[in-house]
Amino acid sequence: RTGRVLRIEPVAFTKVSALGIQEQRVQVVVA
């Protein structure tokens, strides 16, 4: 399927990767 970026959230959050590294991630909402 295809879509388009609707908005980019202004707040980041911490997510632990598969290697155990803490990363700052941002949610991109796609319509």
mmCIF file of all heavy atoms, coordinates in Angstrom:
data_MODEL
# 
_entry.id   MODEL 
# 
loop_
_atom_site.group_PDB 
_atom_site.id 
_atom_site.type_symbol 
_atom_site.label_atom_id 
_atom_site.label_alt_id 
_atom_site.label_comp_id 
_atom_site.label_asym_id 
_atom_site.label_entity_id 
_atom_site.label_seq_id 
_atom_site.pdbx_PDB_ins_code 
_atom_site.Cartn_x 
_atom_site.Cartn_y 
_atom_site.Cartn_z 
_atom_site.occupancy 
_atom_site.B_iso_or_equiv 
_atom_site.pdbx_formal_charge 
_atom_site.auth_seq_id 
_atom_site.auth_comp_id 
_atom_site.auth_asym_id 
_atom_site.auth_atom_id 
_atom_site.pdbx_PDB_model_num 
ATOM 1   N N   . ARG A 1 1  ? 0.848  -1.193 0.000  1.00 0.00 ? 1  ARG A N   1 
ATOM 2   C CA  . ARG A 1 1  ? 0.000  0.000  0.000  1.00 0.00 ? 1  ARG A CA  1 
ATOM 3   C C   . ARG A 1 1  ? 0.878  1.235  0.000  1.00 0.00 ? 1  ARG A C   1 
ATOM 4   O O   . ARG A 1 1  ? 2.051  1.190  0.381  1.00 0.00 ? 1  ARG A O   1 
ATOM 5   C CB  . ARG A 1 1  ? -0.895 0.019  1.248  1.00 0.00 ? 1  ARG A CB  1 
ATOM 6   C CG  . ARG A 1 1  ? -1.940 -1.078 1.280  1.00 0.00 ? 1  ARG A CG  1 
ATOM 7   C CD  . ARG A 1 1  ? -3.098 -0.772 0.348  1.00 0.00 ? 1  ARG A CD  1 
ATOM 8   N NE  . ARG A 1 1  ? -3.754 0.473  0.720  1.00 0.00 ? 1  ARG A NE  1 
ATOM 9   C CZ  . ARG A 1 1  ? -4.698 0.575  1.654  1.00 0.00 ? 1  ARG A CZ  1 
ATOM 10  N NH1 . ARG A 1 1  ? -5.064 -0.499 2.322  1.00 0.00 ? 1  ARG A NH1 1 
ATOM 11  N NH2 . ARG A 1 1  ? -5.262 1.741  1.914  1.00 0.00 ? 1  ARG A NH2 1 
ATOM 12  N N   . THR A 1 2  ? 0.309  2.319  -0.427 1.00 0.00 ? 2  THR A N   1 
ATOM 13  C CA  . THR A 1 2  ? 1.005  3.604  -0.396 1.00 0.00 ? 2  THR A CA  1 
ATOM 14  C C   . THR A 1 2  ? 0.234  4.562  0.495  1.00 0.00 ? 2  THR A C   1 
ATOM 15  O O   . THR A 1 2  ? -0.962 4.388  0.745  1.00 0.00 ? 2  THR A O   1 
ATOM 16  C CB  . THR A 1 2  ? 1.143  4.196  -1.799 1.00 0.00 ? 2  THR A CB  1 
ATOM 17  O OG1 . THR A 1 2  ? -0.172 4.350  -2.377 1.00 0.00 ? 2  THR A OG1 1 
ATOM 18  C CG2 . THR A 1 2  ? 1.991  3.304  -2.688 1.00 0.00 ? 2  THR A CG2 1 
ATOM 19  N N   . GLY A 1 3  ? 0.928  5.567  0.957  1.00 0.00 ? 3  GLY A N   1 
ATOM 20  C CA  . GLY A 1 3  ? 0.318  6.589  1.799  1.00 0.00 ? 3  GLY A CA  1 
ATOM 21  C C   . GLY A 1 3  ? 1.159  7.846  1.759  1.00 0.00 ? 3  GLY A C   1 
ATOM 22  O O   . GLY A 1 3  ? 2.168  7.926  1.046  1.00 0.00 ? 3  GLY A O   1 
ATOM 23  N N   . ARG A 1 4  ? 0.753  8.816  2.521  1.00 0.00 ? 4  ARG A N   1 
ATOM 24  C CA  . ARG A 1 4  ? 1.476  10.079 2.599  1.00 0.00 ? 4  ARG A CA  1 
ATOM 25  C C   . ARG A 1 4  ? 1.600  10.502 4.053  1.00 0.00 ? 4  ARG A C   1 
ATOM 26  O O   . ARG A 1 4  ? 0.713  10.224 4.868  1.00 0.00 ? 4  ARG A O   1 
ATOM 27  C CB  . ARG A 1 4  ? 0.777  11.171 1.781  1.00 0.00 ? 4  ARG A CB  1 
ATOM 28  C CG  . ARG A 1 4  ? 0.802  10.888 0.282  1.00 0.00 ? 4  ARG A CG  1 
ATOM 29  C CD  . ARG A 1 4  ? 0.281  12.048 -0.535 1.00 0.00 ? 4  ARG A CD  1 
ATOM 30  N NE  . ARG A 1 4  ? 0.362  11.742 -1.956 1.00 0.00 ? 4  ARG A NE  1 
ATOM 31  C CZ  . ARG A 1 4  ? 1.436  11.972 -2.705 1.00 0.00 ? 4  ARG A CZ  1 
ATOM 32  N NH1 . ARG A 1 4  ? 2.505  12.514 -2.143 1.00 0.00 ? 4  ARG A NH1 1 
ATOM 33  N NH2 . ARG A 1 4  ? 1.450  11.671 -3.994 1.00 0.00 ? 4  ARG A NH2 1 
ATOM 34  N N   . VAL A 1 5  ? 2.711  11.172 4.346  1.00 0.00 ? 5  VAL A N   1 
ATOM 35  C CA  . VAL A 1 5  ? 2.956  11.635 5.712  1.00 0.00 ? 5  VAL A CA  1 
ATOM 36  C C   . VAL A 1 5  ? 1.898  12.684 6.059  1.00 0.00 ? 5  VAL A C   1 
ATOM 37  O O   . VAL A 1 5  ? 1.791  13.719 5.395  1.00 0.00 ? 5  VAL A O   1 
ATOM 38  C CB  . VAL A 1 5  ? 4.367  12.223 5.845  1.00 0.00 ? 5  VAL A CB  1 
ATOM 39  C CG1 . VAL A 1 5  ? 4.567  12.821 7.228  1.00 0.00 ? 5  VAL A CG1 1 
ATOM 40  C CG2 . VAL A 1 5  ? 5.409  11.141 5.589  1.00 0.00 ? 5  VAL A CG2 1 
ATOM 41  N N   . LEU A 1 6  ? 1.120  12.384 7.096  1.00 0.00 ? 6  LEU A N   1 
ATOM 42  C CA  . LEU A 1 6  ? 0.069  13.296 7.531  1.00 0.00 ? 6  LEU A CA  1 
ATOM 43  C C   . LEU A 1 6  ? 0.605  14.331 8.504  1.00 0.00 ? 6  LEU A C   1 
ATOM 44  O O   . LEU A 1 6  ? 0.358  15.533 8.354  1.00 0.00 ? 6  LEU A O   1 
ATOM 45  C CB  . LEU A 1 6  ? -1.073 12.497 8.157  1.00 0.00 ? 6  LEU A CB  1 
ATOM 46  C CG  . LEU A 1 6  ? -2.296 13.291 8.628  1.00 0.00 ? 6  LEU A CG  1 
ATOM 47  C CD1 . LEU A 1 6  ? -2.964 13.974 7.435  1.00 0.00 ? 6  LEU A CD1 1 
ATOM 48  C CD2 . LEU A 1 6  ? -3.295 12.373 9.320  1.00 0.00 ? 6  LEU A CD2 1 
ATOM 49  N N   . ARG A 1 7  ? 1.341  13.888 9.470  1.00 0.00 ? 7  ARG A N   1 
ATOM 50  C CA  . ARG A 1 7  ? 1.934  14.808 10.444 1.00 0.00 ? 7  ARG A CA  1 
ATOM 51  C C   . ARG A 1 7  ? 3.085  14.116 11.160 1.00 0.00 ? 7  ARG A C   1 
ATOM 52  O O   . ARG A 1 7  ? 3.196  12.888 11.168 1.00 0.00 ? 7  ARG A O   1 
ATOM 53  C CB  . ARG A 1 7  ? 0.896  15.294 11.465 1.00 0.00 ? 7  ARG A CB  1 
ATOM 54  C CG  . ARG A 1 7  ? 0.365  14.217 12.390 1.00 0.00 ? 7  ARG A CG  1 
ATOM 55  C CD  . ARG A 1 7  ? -0.631 14.774 13.393 1.00 0.00 ? 7  ARG A CD  1 
ATOM 56  N NE  . ARG A 1 7  ? -1.142 13.753 14.273 1.00 0.00 ? 7  ARG A NE  1 
ATOM 57  C CZ  . ARG A 1 7  ? -2.170 12.952 13.989 1.00 0.00 ? 7  ARG A CZ  1 
ATOM 58  N NH1 . ARG A 1 7  ? -2.783 13.079 12.834 1.00 0.00 ? 7  ARG A NH1 1 
ATOM 59  N NH2 . ARG A 1 7  ? -2.583 12.048 14.856 1.00 0.00 ? 7  ARG A NH2 1 
ATOM 60  N N   . ILE A 1 8  ? 3.943  14.940 11.748 1.00 0.00 ? 8  ILE A N   1 
ATOM 61  C CA  . ILE A 1 8  ? 5.082  14.460 12.531 1.00 0.00 ? 8  ILE A CA  1 
ATOM 62  C C   . ILE A 1 8  ? 4.862  14.906 13.967 1.00 0.00 ? 8  ILE A C   1 
ATOM 63  O O   . ILE A 1 8  ? 4.701  16.108 14.227 1.00 0.00 ? 8  ILE A O   1 
ATOM 64  C CB  . ILE A 1 8  ? 6.401  15.020 11.977 1.00 0.00 ? 8  ILE A CB  1 
ATOM 65  C CG1 . ILE A 1 8  ? 6.572  14.594 10.508 1.00 0.00 ? 8  ILE A CG1 1 
ATOM 66  C CG2 . ILE A 1 8  ? 7.579  14.551 12.813 1.00 0.00 ? 8  ILE A CG2 1 
ATOM 67  C CD1 . ILE A 1 8  ? 7.737  15.253 9.825  1.00 0.00 ? 8  ILE A CD1 1 
ATOM 68  N N   . GLU A 1 9  ? 4.806  13.950 14.886 1.00 0.00 ? 9  GLU A N   1 
ATOM 69  C CA  . GLU A 1 9  ? 4.536  14.291 16.279 1.00 0.00 ? 9  GLU A CA  1 
ATOM 70  C C   . GLU A 1 9  ? 5.644  15.193 16.831 1.00 0.00 ? 9  GLU A C   1 
ATOM 71  O O   . GLU A 1 9  ? 6.828  14.969 16.545 1.00 0.00 ? 9  GLU A O   1 
ATOM 72  C CB  . GLU A 1 9  ? 4.422  13.030 17.129 1.00 0.00 ? 9  GLU A CB  1 
ATOM 73  C CG  . GLU A 1 9  ? 3.303  12.089 16.714 1.00 0.00 ? 9  GLU A CG  1 
ATOM 74  C CD  . GLU A 1 9  ? 1.932  12.652 17.023 1.00 0.00 ? 9  GLU A CD  1 
ATOM 75  O OE1 . GLU A 1 9  ? 1.862  13.655 17.746 1.00 0.00 ? 9  GLU A OE1 1 
ATOM 76  O OE2 . GLU A 1 9  ? 0.932  12.080 16.538 1.00 0.00 ? 9  GLU A OE2 1 
ATOM 77  N N   . PRO A 1 10 ? 5.294  16.211 17.623 1.00 0.00 ? 10 PRO A N   1 
ATOM 78  C CA  . PRO A 1 10 ? 6.319  17.129 18.142 1.00 0.00 ? 10 PRO A CA  1 
ATOM 79  C C   . PRO A 1 10 ? 7.055  16.617 19.368 1.00 0.00 ? 10 PRO A C   1 
ATOM 80  O O   . PRO A 1 10 ? 7.946  17.301 19.880 1.00 0.00 ? 10 PRO A O   1 
ATOM 81  C CB  . PRO A 1 10 ? 5.500  18.383 18.477 1.00 0.00 ? 10 PRO A CB  1 
ATOM 82  C CG  . PRO A 1 10 ? 4.151  17.847 18.849 1.00 0.00 ? 10 PRO A CG  1 
ATOM 83  C CD  . PRO A 1 10 ? 3.927  16.643 17.976 1.00 0.00 ? 10 PRO A CD  1 
ATOM 84  N N   . VAL A 1 11 ? 6.711  15.439 19.857 1.00 0.00 ? 11 VAL A N   1 
ATOM 85  C CA  . VAL A 1 11 ? 7.305  14.918 21.094 1.00 0.00 ? 11 VAL A CA  1 
ATOM 86  C C   . VAL A 1 11 ? 8.000  13.594 20.787 1.00 0.00 ? 11 VAL A C   1 
ATOM 87  O O   . VAL A 1 11 ? 7.427  12.718 20.132 1.00 0.00 ? 11 VAL A O   1 
ATOM 88  C CB  . VAL A 1 11 ? 6.234  14.715 22.181 1.00 0.00 ? 11 VAL A CB  1 
ATOM 89  C CG1 . VAL A 1 11 ? 6.860  14.172 23.448 1.00 0.00 ? 11 VAL A CG1 1 
ATOM 90  C CG2 . VAL A 1 11 ? 5.503  16.027 22.466 1.00 0.00 ? 11 VAL A CG2 1 
ATOM 91  N N   . ALA A 1 12 ? 9.224  13.460 21.266 1.00 0.00 ? 12 ALA A N   1 
ATOM 92  C CA  . ALA A 1 12 ? 9.975  12.216 21.108 1.00 0.00 ? 12 ALA A CA  1 
ATOM 93  C C   . ALA A 1 12 ? 9.822  11.350 22.357 1.00 0.00 ? 12 ALA A C   1 
ATOM 94  O O   . ALA A 1 12 ? 9.430  11.832 23.422 1.00 0.00 ? 12 ALA A O   1 
ATOM 95  C CB  . ALA A 1 12 ? 11.450 12.508 20.849 1.00 0.00 ? 12 ALA A CB  1 
ATOM 96  N N   . PHE A 1 13 ? 10.145 10.069 22.203 1.00 0.00 ? 13 PHE A N   1 
ATOM 97  C CA  . PHE A 1 13 ? 10.078 9.136  23.323 1.00 0.00 ? 13 PHE A CA  1 
ATOM 98  C C   . PHE A 1 13 ? 11.269 8.195  23.250 1.00 0.00 ? 13 PHE A C   1 
ATOM 99  O O   . PHE A 1 13 ? 11.904 8.049  22.199 1.00 0.00 ? 13 PHE A O   1 
ATOM 100 C CB  . PHE A 1 13 ? 8.761  8.345  23.309 1.00 0.00 ? 13 PHE A CB  1 
ATOM 101 C CG  . PHE A 1 13 ? 8.574  7.504  22.075 1.00 0.00 ? 13 PHE A CG  1 
ATOM 102 C CD1 . PHE A 1 13 ? 8.951  6.171  22.058 1.00 0.00 ? 13 PHE A CD1 1 
ATOM 103 C CD2 . PHE A 1 13 ? 8.026  8.047  20.922 1.00 0.00 ? 13 PHE A CD2 1 
ATOM 104 C CE1 . PHE A 1 13 ? 8.790  5.392  20.923 1.00 0.00 ? 13 PHE A CE1 1 
ATOM 105 C CE2 . PHE A 1 13 ? 7.862  7.283  19.787 1.00 0.00 ? 13 PHE A CE2 1 
ATOM 106 C CZ  . PHE A 1 13 ? 8.241  5.951  19.786 1.00 0.00 ? 13 PHE A CZ  1 
ATOM 107 N N   . THR A 1 14 ? 11.587 7.560  24.363 1.00 0.00 ? 14 THR A N   1 
ATOM 108 C CA  . THR A 1 14 ? 12.728 6.653  24.445 1.00 0.00 ? 14 THR A CA  1 
ATOM 109 C C   . THR A 1 14 ? 12.284 5.231  24.125 1.00 0.00 ? 14 THR A C   1 
ATOM 110 O O   . THR A 1 14 ? 11.291 4.747  24.662 1.00 0.00 ? 14 THR A O   1 
ATOM 111 C CB  . THR A 1 14 ? 13.365 6.701  25.844 1.00 0.00 ? 14 THR A CB  1 
ATOM 112 O OG1 . THR A 1 14 ? 13.769 8.046  26.122 1.00 0.00 ? 14 THR A OG1 1 
ATOM 113 C CG2 . THR A 1 14 ? 14.575 5.792  25.911 1.00 0.00 ? 14 THR A CG2 1 
ATOM 114 N N   . LYS A 1 15 ? 13.041 4.597  23.242 1.00 0.00 ? 15 LYS A N   1 
ATOM 115 C CA  . LYS A 1 15 ? 12.753 3.213  22.854 1.00 0.00 ? 15 LYS A CA  1 
ATOM 116 C C   . LYS A 1 15 ? 14.046 2.429  22.873 1.00 0.00 ? 15 LYS A C   1 
ATOM 117 O O   . LYS A 1 15 ? 15.079 2.901  22.377 1.00 0.00 ? 15 LYS A O   1 
ATOM 118 C CB  . LYS A 1 15 ? 12.119 3.174  21.461 1.00 0.00 ? 15 LYS A CB  1 
ATOM 119 C CG  . LYS A 1 15 ? 11.721 1.779  21.003 1.00 0.00 ? 15 LYS A CG  1 
ATOM 120 C CD  . LYS A 1 15 ? 11.057 1.834  19.641 1.00 0.00 ? 15 LYS A CD  1 
ATOM 121 C CE  . LYS A 1 15 ? 10.621 0.453  19.167 1.00 0.00 ? 15 LYS A CE  1 
ATOM 122 N NZ  . LYS A 1 15 ? 9.964  0.524  17.836 1.00 0.00 ? 15 LYS A NZ  1 
ATOM 123 N N   . VAL A 1 16 ? 14.011 1.237  23.434 1.00 0.00 ? 16 VAL A N   1 
ATOM 124 C CA  . VAL A 1 16 ? 15.192 0.375  23.510 1.00 0.00 ? 16 VAL A CA  1 
ATOM 125 C C   . VAL A 1 16 ? 15.237 -0.493 22.264 1.00 0.00 ? 16 VAL A C   1 
ATOM 126 O O   . VAL A 1 16 ? 14.272 -1.209 21.951 1.00 0.00 ? 16 VAL A O   1 
ATOM 127 C CB  . VAL A 1 16 ? 15.168 -0.488 24.780 1.00 0.00 ? 16 VAL A CB  1 
ATOM 128 C CG1 . VAL A 1 16 ? 16.411 -1.370 24.844 1.00 0.00 ? 16 VAL A CG1 1 
ATOM 129 C CG2 . VAL A 1 16 ? 15.082 0.396  26.020 1.00 0.00 ? 16 VAL A CG2 1 
ATOM 130 N N   . SER A 1 17 ? 16.346 -0.446 21.530 1.00 0.00 ? 17 SER A N   1 
ATOM 131 C CA  . SER A 1 17 ? 16.488 -1.218 20.308 1.00 0.00 ? 17 SER A CA  1 
ATOM 132 C C   . SER A 1 17 ? 16.748 -2.683 20.619 1.00 0.00 ? 17 SER A C   1 
ATOM 133 O O   . SER A 1 17 ? 16.919 -3.083 21.776 1.00 0.00 ? 17 SER A O   1 
ATOM 134 C CB  . SER A 1 17 ? 17.627 -0.647 19.461 1.00 0.00 ? 17 SER A CB  1 
ATOM 135 O OG  . SER A 1 17 ? 18.872 -0.864 20.110 1.00 0.00 ? 17 SER A OG  1 
ATOM 136 N N   . ALA A 1 18 ? 16.832 -3.496 19.549 1.00 0.00 ? 18 ALA A N   1 
ATOM 137 C CA  . ALA A 1 18 ? 17.097 -4.924 19.719 1.00 0.00 ? 18 ALA A CA  1 
ATOM 138 C C   . ALA A 1 18 ? 18.481 -5.176 20.296 1.00 0.00 ? 18 ALA A C   1 
ATOM 139 O O   . ALA A 1 18 ? 18.726 -6.234 20.888 1.00 0.00 ? 18 ALA A O   1 
ATOM 140 C CB  . ALA A 1 18 ? 16.946 -5.641 18.381 1.00 0.00 ? 18 ALA A CB  1 
ATOM 141 N N   . LEU A 1 19 ? 19.388 -4.203 20.136 1.00 0.00 ? 19 LEU A N   1 
ATOM 142 C CA  . LEU A 1 19 ? 20.739 -4.346 20.692 1.00 0.00 ? 19 LEU A CA  1 
ATOM 143 C C   . LEU A 1 19 ? 20.843 -3.800 22.109 1.00 0.00 ? 19 LEU A C   1 
ATOM 144 O O   . LEU A 1 19 ? 21.931 -3.755 22.680 1.00 0.00 ? 19 LEU A O   1 
ATOM 145 C CB  . LEU A 1 19 ? 21.743 -3.623 19.789 1.00 0.00 ? 19 LEU A CB  1 
ATOM 146 C CG  . LEU A 1 19 ? 21.833 -4.133 18.344 1.00 0.00 ? 19 LEU A CG  1 
ATOM 147 C CD1 . LEU A 1 19 ? 22.807 -3.294 17.547 1.00 0.00 ? 19 LEU A CD1 1 
ATOM 148 C CD2 . LEU A 1 19 ? 22.244 -5.602 18.320 1.00 0.00 ? 19 LEU A CD2 1 
ATOM 149 N N   . GLY A 1 20 ? 19.726 -3.365 22.676 1.00 0.00 ? 20 GLY A N   1 
ATOM 150 C CA  . GLY A 1 20 ? 19.726 -2.850 24.037 1.00 0.00 ? 20 GLY A CA  1 
ATOM 151 C C   . GLY A 1 20 ? 20.155 -1.399 24.142 1.00 0.00 ? 20 GLY A C   1 
ATOM 152 O O   . GLY A 1 20 ? 20.519 -0.945 25.232 1.00 0.00 ? 20 GLY A O   1 
ATOM 153 N N   . ILE A 1 21 ? 20.111 -0.651 23.031 1.00 0.00 ? 21 ILE A N   1 
ATOM 154 C CA  . ILE A 1 21 ? 20.520 0.749  23.020 1.00 0.00 ? 21 ILE A CA  1 
ATOM 155 C C   . ILE A 1 21 ? 19.284 1.630  23.124 1.00 0.00 ? 21 ILE A C   1 
ATOM 156 O O   . ILE A 1 21 ? 18.298 1.423  22.414 1.00 0.00 ? 21 ILE A O   1 
ATOM 157 C CB  . ILE A 1 21 ? 21.301 1.078  21.730 1.00 0.00 ? 21 ILE A CB  1 
ATOM 158 C CG1 . ILE A 1 21 ? 22.529 0.173  21.611 1.00 0.00 ? 21 ILE A CG1 1 
ATOM 159 C CG2 . ILE A 1 21 ? 21.707 2.547  21.699 1.00 0.00 ? 21 ILE A CG2 1 
ATOM 160 C CD1 . ILE A 1 21 ? 23.275 0.316  20.304 1.00 0.00 ? 21 ILE A CD1 1 
ATOM 161 N N   . GLN A 1 22 ? 19.348 2.611  24.010 1.00 0.00 ? 22 GLN A N   1 
ATOM 162 C CA  . GLN A 1 22 ? 18.240 3.549  24.151 1.00 0.00 ? 22 GLN A CA  1 
ATOM 163 C C   . GLN A 1 22 ? 18.291 4.571  23.014 1.00 0.00 ? 22 GLN A C   1 
ATOM 164 O O   . GLN A 1 22 ? 19.320 5.213  22.787 1.00 0.00 ? 22 GLN A O   1 
ATOM 165 C CB  . GLN A 1 22 ? 18.294 4.257  25.501 1.00 0.00 ? 22 GLN A CB  1 
ATOM 166 C CG  . GLN A 1 22 ? 17.951 3.366  26.675 1.00 0.00 ? 22 GLN A CG  1 
ATOM 167 C CD  . GLN A 1 22 ? 17.829 4.142  27.961 1.00 0.00 ? 22 GLN A CD  1 
ATOM 168 O OE1 . GLN A 1 22 ? 18.222 5.293  28.042 1.00 0.00 ? 22 GLN A OE1 1 
ATOM 169 N NE2 . GLN A 1 22 ? 17.299 3.505  28.989 1.00 0.00 ? 22 GLN A NE2 1 
ATOM 170 N N   . GLU A 1 23 ? 17.188 4.694  22.298 1.00 0.00 ? 23 GLU A N   1 
ATOM 171 C CA  . GLU A 1 23 ? 17.089 5.608  21.169 1.00 0.00 ? 23 GLU A CA  1 
ATOM 172 C C   . GLU A 1 23 ? 15.929 6.564  21.371 1.00 0.00 ? 23 GLU A C   1 
ATOM 173 O O   . GLU A 1 23 ? 14.906 6.189  21.953 1.00 0.00 ? 23 GLU A O   1 
ATOM 174 C CB  . GLU A 1 23 ? 16.888 4.830  19.862 1.00 0.00 ? 23 GLU A CB  1 
ATOM 175 C CG  . GLU A 1 23 ? 17.975 3.842  19.549 1.00 0.00 ? 23 GLU A CG  1 
ATOM 176 C CD  . GLU A 1 23 ? 17.641 2.980  18.349 1.00 0.00 ? 23 GLU A CD  1 
ATOM 177 O OE1 . GLU A 1 23 ? 16.439 2.868  18.024 1.00 0.00 ? 23 GLU A OE1 1 
ATOM 178 O OE2 . GLU A 1 23 ? 18.566 2.433  17.738 1.00 0.00 ? 23 GLU A OE2 1 
ATOM 179 N N   . GLN A 1 24 ? 16.098 7.774  20.878 1.00 0.00 ? 24 GLN A N   1 
ATOM 180 C CA  . GLN A 1 24 ? 15.010 8.749  20.897 1.00 0.00 ? 24 GLN A CA  1 
ATOM 181 C C   . GLN A 1 24 ? 14.274 8.654  19.562 1.00 0.00 ? 24 GLN A C   1 
ATOM 182 O O   . GLN A 1 24 ? 14.858 8.864  18.498 1.00 0.00 ? 24 GLN A O   1 
ATOM 183 C CB  . GLN A 1 24 ? 15.548 10.167 21.112 1.00 0.00 ? 24 GLN A CB  1 
ATOM 184 C CG  . GLN A 1 24 ? 16.132 10.390 22.497 1.00 0.00 ? 24 GLN A CG  1 
ATOM 185 C CD  . GLN A 1 24 ? 15.131 10.101 23.605 1.00 0.00 ? 24 GLN A CD  1 
ATOM 186 O OE1 . GLN A 1 24 ? 15.317 9.159  24.379 1.00 0.00 ? 24 GLN A OE1 1 
ATOM 187 N NE2 . GLN A 1 24 ? 14.068 10.885 23.682 1.00 0.00 ? 24 GLN A NE2 1 
ATOM 188 N N   . ARG A 1 25 ? 13.006 8.337  19.643 1.00 0.00 ? 25 ARG A N   1 
ATOM 189 C CA  . ARG A 1 25 ? 12.199 8.111  18.452 1.00 0.00 ? 25 ARG A CA  1 
ATOM 190 C C   . ARG A 1 25 ? 11.056 9.121  18.393 1.00 0.00 ? 25 ARG A C   1 
ATOM 191 O O   . ARG A 1 25 ? 10.605 9.636  19.416 1.00 0.00 ? 25 ARG A O   1 
ATOM 192 C CB  . ARG A 1 25 ? 11.633 6.691  18.455 1.00 0.00 ? 25 ARG A CB  1 
ATOM 193 C CG  . ARG A 1 25 ? 12.697 5.609  18.353 1.00 0.00 ? 25 ARG A CG  1 
ATOM 194 C CD  . ARG A 1 25 ? 12.875 5.178  16.943 1.00 0.00 ? 25 ARG A CD  1 
ATOM 195 N NE  . ARG A 1 25 ? 13.958 4.222  16.759 1.00 0.00 ? 25 ARG A NE  1 
ATOM 196 C CZ  . ARG A 1 25 ? 14.229 3.655  15.601 1.00 0.00 ? 25 ARG A CZ  1 
ATOM 197 N NH1 . ARG A 1 25 ? 13.491 3.942  14.532 1.00 0.00 ? 25 ARG A NH1 1 
ATOM 198 N NH2 . ARG A 1 25 ? 15.243 2.818  15.481 1.00 0.00 ? 25 ARG A NH2 1 
ATOM 199 N N   . VAL A 1 26 ? 10.594 9.371  17.178 1.00 0.00 ? 26 VAL A N   1 
ATOM 200 C CA  . VAL A 1 26 ? 9.479  10.283 16.925 1.00 0.00 ? 26 VAL A CA  1 
ATOM 201 C C   . VAL A 1 26 ? 8.460  9.532  16.069 1.00 0.00 ? 26 VAL A C   1 
ATOM 202 O O   . VAL A 1 26 ? 8.826  8.815  15.130 1.00 0.00 ? 26 VAL A O   1 
ATOM 203 C CB  . VAL A 1 26 ? 9.935  11.567 16.208 1.00 0.00 ? 26 VAL A CB  1 
ATOM 204 C CG1 . VAL A 1 26 ? 8.750  12.472 15.909 1.00 0.00 ? 26 VAL A CG1 1 
ATOM 205 C CG2 . VAL A 1 26 ? 10.963 12.304 17.055 1.00 0.00 ? 26 VAL A CG2 1 
ATOM 206 N N   . GLN A 1 27 ? 7.190  9.689  16.393 1.00 0.00 ? 27 GLN A N   1 
ATOM 207 C CA  . GLN A 1 27 ? 6.141  9.024  15.634 1.00 0.00 ? 27 GLN A CA  1 
ATOM 208 C C   . GLN A 1 27 ? 5.744  9.872  14.425 1.00 0.00 ? 27 GLN A C   1 
ATOM 209 O O   . GLN A 1 27 ? 5.416  11.044 14.563 1.00 0.00 ? 27 GLN A O   1 
ATOM 210 C CB  . GLN A 1 27 ? 4.920  8.761  16.510 1.00 0.00 ? 27 GLN A CB  1 
ATOM 211 C CG  . GLN A 1 27 ? 5.132  7.657  17.528 1.00 0.00 ? 27 GLN A CG  1 
ATOM 212 C CD  . GLN A 1 27 ? 3.856  7.259  18.234 1.00 0.00 ? 27 GLN A CD  1 
ATOM 213 O OE1 . GLN A 1 27 ? 2.888  8.018  18.274 1.00 0.00 ? 27 GLN A OE1 1 
ATOM 214 N NE2 . GLN A 1 27 ? 3.832  6.074  18.811 1.00 0.00 ? 27 GLN A NE2 1 
ATOM 215 N N   . VAL A 1 28 ? 5.782  9.227  13.263 1.00 0.00 ? 28 VAL A N   1 
ATOM 216 C CA  . VAL A 1 28 ? 5.342  9.853  12.009 1.00 0.00 ? 28 VAL A CA  1 
ATOM 217 C C   . VAL A 1 28 ? 4.031  9.183  11.608 1.00 0.00 ? 28 VAL A C   1 
ATOM 218 O O   . VAL A 1 28 ? 3.982  7.966  11.401 1.00 0.00 ? 28 VAL A O   1 
ATOM 219 C CB  . VAL A 1 28 ? 6.398  9.683  10.911 1.00 0.00 ? 28 VAL A CB  1 
ATOM 220 C CG1 . VAL A 1 28 ? 5.907  10.275 9.591  1.00 0.00 ? 28 VAL A CG1 1 
ATOM 221 C CG2 . VAL A 1 28 ? 7.709  10.345 11.333 1.00 0.00 ? 28 VAL A CG2 1 
ATOM 222 N N   . VAL A 1 29 ? 2.969  9.977  11.501 1.00 0.00 ? 29 VAL A N   1 
ATOM 223 C CA  . VAL A 1 29 ? 1.639  9.457  11.183 1.00 0.00 ? 29 VAL A CA  1 
ATOM 224 C C   . VAL A 1 29 ? 1.445  9.499  9.676  1.00 0.00 ? 29 VAL A C   1 
ATOM 225 O O   . VAL A 1 29 ? 1.658  10.532 9.033  1.00 0.00 ? 29 VAL A O   1 
ATOM 226 C CB  . VAL A 1 29 ? 0.542  10.271 11.887 1.00 0.00 ? 29 VAL A CB  1 
ATOM 227 C CG1 . VAL A 1 29 ? -0.836 9.694  11.582 1.00 0.00 ? 29 VAL A CG1 1 
ATOM 228 C CG2 . VAL A 1 29 ? 0.791  10.287 13.396 1.00 0.00 ? 29 VAL A CG2 1 
ATOM 229 N N   . VAL A 1 30 ? 1.047  8.348  9.101  1.00 0.00 ? 30 VAL A N   1 
ATOM 230 C CA  . VAL A 1 30 ? 0.895  8.204  7.657  1.00 0.00 ? 30 VAL A CA  1 
ATOM 231 C C   . VAL A 1 30 ? -0.571 7.914  7.345  1.00 0.00 ? 30 VAL A C   1 
ATOM 232 O O   . VAL A 1 30 ? -1.162 6.984  7.919  1.00 0.00 ? 30 VAL A O   1 
ATOM 233 C CB  . VAL A 1 30 ? 1.791  7.065  7.117  1.00 0.00 ? 30 VAL A CB  1 
ATOM 234 C CG1 . VAL A 1 30 ? 1.578  6.871  5.621  1.00 0.00 ? 30 VAL A CG1 1 
ATOM 235 C CG2 . VAL A 1 30 ? 3.247  7.357  7.430  1.00 0.00 ? 30 VAL A CG2 1 
ATOM 236 N N   . ALA A 1 31 ? -1.149 8.709  6.445  1.00 0.00 ? 31 ALA A N   1 
ATOM 237 C CA  . ALA A 1 31 ? -2.520 8.476  5.984  1.00 0.00 ? 31 ALA A CA  1 
ATOM 238 C C   . ALA A 1 31 ? -2.471 7.529  4.796  1.00 0.00 ? 31 ALA A C   1 
ATOM 239 O O   . ALA A 1 31 ? -1.776 7.795  3.803  1.00 0.00 ? 31 ALA A O   1 
ATOM 240 C CB  . ALA A 1 31 ? -3.179 9.795  5.595  1.00 0.00 ? 31 ALA A CB  1 
# 
